[in-house]
Every structure is written in C-alpha cells, then in structure tokens.
C-alpha atoms as a PDB file:
ATOM      1  CA  UNK A   1      45.328 -26.111 172.956  1.00  0.00           C
ATOM      2  CA  UNK A   2      42.811 -28.742 172.528  1.00  0.00           C
ATOM      3  CA  UNK A   3      41.737 -29.026 169.426  1.00  0.00           C
ATOM      4  CA  UNK A   4      45.228 -29.127 168.173  1.00  0.00           C
ATOM      5  CA  UNK A   5      46.221 -32.300 169.776  1.00  0.00           C
ATOM      6  CA  UNK A   6      42.683 -34.168 168.717  1.00  0.00           C
ATOM      7  CA  UNK A   7      43.810 -34.040 165.406  1.00  0.00           C
ATOM      8  CA  UNK A   8      47.228 -35.258 166.370  1.00  0.00           C
ATOM      9  CA  UNK A   9      44.907 -38.044 167.630  1.00  0.00           C
ATOM     10  CA  UNK A  10      46.452 -37.096 170.903  1.00  0.00           C
ATOM     11  CA  UNK A  11      43.858 -37.442 174.252  1.00  0.00           C
ATOM     12  CA  UNK A  12      43.870 -34.307 176.221  1.00  0.00           C
ATOM     13  CA  UNK A  13      42.282 -34.981 179.724  1.00  0.00           C
ATOM     14  CA  UNK A  14      41.882 -32.331 181.877  1.00  0.00           C
ATOM     15  CA  UNK A  15      43.461 -33.426 185.702  1.00  0.00           C
ATOM     16  CA  UNK A  16      41.160 -32.680 188.686  1.00  0.00           C
ATOM     17  CA  UNK A  17      43.064 -31.412 192.277  1.00  0.00           C
ATOM     18  CA  UNK A  18      41.435 -32.919 195.475  1.00  0.00           C
ATOM     19  CA  UNK A  19      42.372 -29.003 196.763  1.00  0.00           C
ATOM     20  CA  UNK A  20      41.940 -26.091 194.699  1.00  0.00           C
ATOM     21  CA  UNK A  21      44.908 -26.554 192.963  1.00  0.00           C
ATOM     22  CA  UNK A  22      47.981 -28.922 192.612  1.00  0.00           C
ATOM     23  CA  UNK A  23      49.981 -26.490 194.222  1.00  0.00           C
ATOM     24  CA  UNK A  24      47.557 -26.351 197.152  1.00  0.00           C
ATOM     25  CA  UNK A  25      47.646 -30.066 196.691  1.00  0.00           C
ATOM     26  CA  UNK A  26      51.137 -30.068 197.104  1.00  0.00           C
ATOM     27  CA  UNK A  27      52.034 -27.893 200.224  1.00  0.00           C
ATOM     28  CA  UNK A  28      48.634 -28.109 202.012  1.00  0.00           C
ATOM     29  CA  UNK A  29      48.568 -32.119 201.548  1.00  0.00           C
ATOM     30  CA  UNK A  30      52.207 -33.857 200.489  1.00  0.00           C
ATOM     31  CA  UNK A  31      53.912 -35.345 197.509  1.00  0.00           C
ATOM     32  CA  UNK A  32      52.562 -38.872 197.932  1.00  0.00           C
ATOM     33  CA  UNK A  33      49.370 -37.600 198.035  1.00  0.00           C
ATOM     34  CA  UNK A  34      48.959 -35.576 194.838  1.00  0.00           C
ATOM     35  CA  UNK A  35      50.573 -38.378 192.870  1.00  0.00           C
ATOM     36  CA  UNK A  36      48.393 -41.055 194.329  1.00  0.00           C
ATOM     37  CA  UNK A  37      45.672 -38.571 193.503  1.00  0.00           C
ATOM     38  CA  UNK A  38      47.398 -38.058 189.721  1.00  0.00           C
ATOM     39  CA  UNK A  39      48.034 -41.381 189.564  1.00  0.00           C
ATOM     40  CA  UNK A  40      44.430 -42.765 189.797  1.00  0.00           C
ATOM     41  CA  UNK A  41      43.130 -39.809 187.016  1.00  0.00           C
ATOM     42  CA  UNK A  42      45.996 -41.753 184.579  1.00  0.00           C
ATOM     43  CA  UNK A  43      46.397 -44.767 182.116  1.00  0.00           C
ATOM     44  CA  UNK A  44      48.541 -47.159 184.101  1.00  0.00           C
ATOM     45  CA  UNK A  45      51.270 -46.810 181.064  1.00  0.00           C
ATOM     46  CA  UNK A  46      51.039 -43.351 181.733  1.00  0.00           C
ATOM     47  CA  UNK A  47      51.790 -43.498 185.867  1.00  0.00           C
ATOM     48  CA  UNK A  48      53.719 -45.927 185.463  1.00  0.00           C
ATOM     49  CA  UNK A  49      55.890 -43.304 182.425  1.00  0.00           C
ATOM     50  CA  UNK A  50      55.428 -40.395 184.000  1.00  0.00           C
ATOM     51  CA  UNK A  51      54.668 -40.851 187.990  1.00  0.00           C
ATOM     52  CA  UNK A  52      57.370 -42.003 190.529  1.00  0.00           C
ATOM     53  CA  UNK A  53      57.395 -45.352 191.747  1.00  0.00           C
END
C-alpha cells in the first residue's frame, strides 16, 4: 500500500498511539487526548483539515 501511495506522490505516515492502539487510547485516556496526540504527529495543514478544532 505504501509503495502505491508513494508512486502517486503521497507520503504515507505511520501514526503511533500512546498506549497499545488507538482504540485503547480513546477508551482509557480520552477523545481529547487522542486528538492531541494525532495533532502532534500531523503537519499543521492536515491537522486543521482532518481533526476537530
């Protein structure tokens, strides 16, 4: 999948959860903390486009 994205000029990123997986982050931490963690891993333009304010 990564090779196909790169062939189209898309840089795929691997996002990392704080705990075991994103579902666990959501359940055990909070939606706000999950969003903050994702926001820190994205470039500003994508964070603004894809995450709630």
